[in-house]
Amino acid sequence: MALRTRRGPHSRNSPGHSALSTSLERLSVAQIKKGTGLLLFLLVAGTVAGSVLTLIFDAFIPSGPLARIFLSNISIGSAAPTTFHLVLLDLSLGLSFHINILNVLGLFLGYYIYRNS
């Protein structure tokens, strides 16, 4: 008893199917498996790692040019929170980012791990 295989226009043995399309199918499946959630997790983890390194450097590096390079930061956001006085409640909103070289290196490290995983 012989098994019959069904050959349609998209079967692997068809003339239009190449190794390139197979590798592209695998690539798209791998990208779907990674997802945006993993990217966001790795970026946040890299930023947290950069913040921890900043605290360690702050504790152990004496003040000088090396400390100025690694520990100086740029603050983006509002210095003081904005307060809305409503009838029922007072709402205070504020957001501020403190970015330094170690945080940026952590972001790049998270993205690098994402791309190579």
Protein backbone atom coordinates (compact mmCIF):
# COMPACT_ATOMS: atom_id res chain seq x y z
CA MET A 1 0.00 0.00 0.00
CA ALA A 2 1.59 3.24 -1.14
CA LEU A 3 1.01 6.52 0.64
CA ARG A 4 -0.13 9.36 -1.52
CA THR A 5 1.14 12.83 -0.88
CA ARG A 6 -0.81 15.86 -1.81
CA ARG A 7 1.14 18.32 -3.89
CA GLY A 8 -0.29 21.77 -4.04
CA PRO A 9 1.24 25.05 -5.18
CA HIS A 10 2.80 25.59 -1.73
CA SER A 11 4.25 22.15 -1.07
CA ARG A 12 7.95 21.84 -0.32
CA ASN A 13 8.72 19.92 -3.47
CA SER A 14 7.12 22.42 -5.79
CA PRO A 15 9.40 24.35 -8.13
CA GLY A 16 8.50 27.74 -6.60
CA HIS A 17 9.64 26.72 -3.10
CA SER A 18 13.24 27.65 -2.33
CA ALA A 19 15.60 27.46 0.59
CA LEU A 20 15.31 31.24 0.97
CA SER A 21 11.56 31.11 1.53
CA THR A 22 12.06 28.31 4.06
CA SER A 23 14.59 30.37 6.01
CA LEU A 24 12.28 33.41 5.86
CA GLU A 25 9.44 31.30 7.28
CA ARG A 26 11.69 30.20 10.15
CA LEU A 27 12.83 33.78 10.76
CA SER A 28 9.29 35.10 10.96
CA VAL A 29 8.31 32.30 13.36
CA ALA A 30 11.34 33.10 15.55
CA GLN A 31 10.42 36.79 15.61
CA ILE A 32 6.85 35.98 16.58
CA LYS A 33 8.08 33.77 19.42
CA LYS A 34 10.32 36.54 20.77
CA GLY A 35 7.62 39.15 20.85
CA THR A 36 7.51 42.70 22.03
CA GLY A 37 7.10 41.66 25.66
CA LEU A 38 10.54 40.06 25.73
CA LEU A 39 12.08 43.17 24.16
CA LEU A 40 10.47 45.46 26.75
CA PHE A 41 11.51 43.13 29.57
CA LEU A 42 15.14 43.05 28.39
CA LEU A 43 15.26 46.83 27.91
CA VAL A 44 13.88 47.43 31.41
CA ALA A 45 16.24 44.79 32.86
CA GLY A 46 19.17 46.47 31.10
CA THR A 47 18.16 49.84 32.48
CA VAL A 48 17.85 48.44 36.00
CA ALA A 49 21.26 46.79 35.64
CA GLY A 50 22.68 50.16 34.55
CA SER A 51 21.12 51.81 37.60
CA VAL A 52 22.61 49.18 39.91
CA LEU A 53 26.03 49.72 38.30
CA THR A 54 25.59 53.45 38.82
CA LEU A 55 24.99 52.89 42.54
CA ILE A 56 28.00 50.58 42.78
CA PHE A 57 30.24 53.04 40.93
CA ASP A 58 28.97 55.86 43.14
CA ALA A 59 29.96 53.92 46.25
CA PHE A 60 33.40 52.75 45.11
CA ILE A 61 34.79 55.24 42.56
CA PRO A 62 36.45 58.30 44.10
CA SER A 63 35.47 61.68 42.74
CA GLY A 64 37.44 62.64 39.69
CA PRO A 65 37.22 62.52 35.91
CA LEU A 66 36.16 58.87 35.79
CA ALA A 67 33.33 59.52 38.24
CA ARG A 68 32.23 62.56 36.24
CA ILE A 69 32.02 60.47 33.06
CA PHE A 70 30.05 57.57 34.52
CA LEU A 71 27.97 59.30 37.18
CA SER A 72 26.86 62.52 35.52
CA ASN A 73 23.31 62.32 34.27
CA ILE A 74 20.81 64.21 32.19
CA SER A 75 17.39 64.82 33.73
CA ILE A 76 14.42 64.87 31.39
CA GLY A 77 10.99 65.72 32.71
CA SER A 78 9.43 68.03 35.23
CA ALA A 79 11.39 69.19 38.26
CA ALA A 80 8.25 69.51 40.37
CA PRO A 81 4.99 67.61 39.94
CA THR A 82 2.03 69.33 38.38
CA THR A 83 -0.94 69.52 40.73
CA PHE A 84 -4.56 69.65 39.62
CA HIS A 85 -6.94 70.93 42.30
CA LEU A 86 -10.26 69.32 41.54
CA VAL A 87 -13.43 69.55 43.58
CA LEU A 88 -13.28 65.97 44.83
CA LEU A 89 -9.53 65.44 45.01
CA ASP A 90 -6.10 66.89 44.37
CA LEU A 91 -4.17 65.09 41.64
CA SER A 92 -0.39 65.41 41.40
CA LEU A 93 1.43 64.11 38.32
CA GLY A 94 5.12 64.15 37.62
CA LEU A 95 7.60 62.17 35.58
CA SER A 96 11.34 62.54 35.42
CA PHE A 97 14.06 60.43 33.79
CA HIS A 98 17.68 60.52 34.93
CA ILE A 99 19.82 59.10 32.13
CA ASN A 100 23.53 58.38 32.37
CA ILE A 101 26.06 56.39 30.37
CA LEU A 102 25.59 53.19 32.38
CA ASN A 103 21.82 53.25 31.80
CA VAL A 104 22.37 53.66 28.06
CA LEU A 105 24.90 50.80 28.07
CA GLY A 106 22.30 48.66 29.88
CA LEU A 107 19.72 49.51 27.21
CA PHE A 108 22.13 48.51 24.46
CA LEU A 109 22.98 45.30 26.31
CA GLY A 110 19.28 44.41 26.62
CA TYR A 111 18.73 45.04 22.91
CA TYR A 112 21.86 43.04 22.03
CA ILE A 113 20.60 40.07 24.08
CA TYR A 114 17.21 40.35 22.38
CA ARG A 115 18.70 40.35 18.89
CA ASN A 116 21.00 37.41 19.59
CA SER A 117 18.58 35.21 21.51
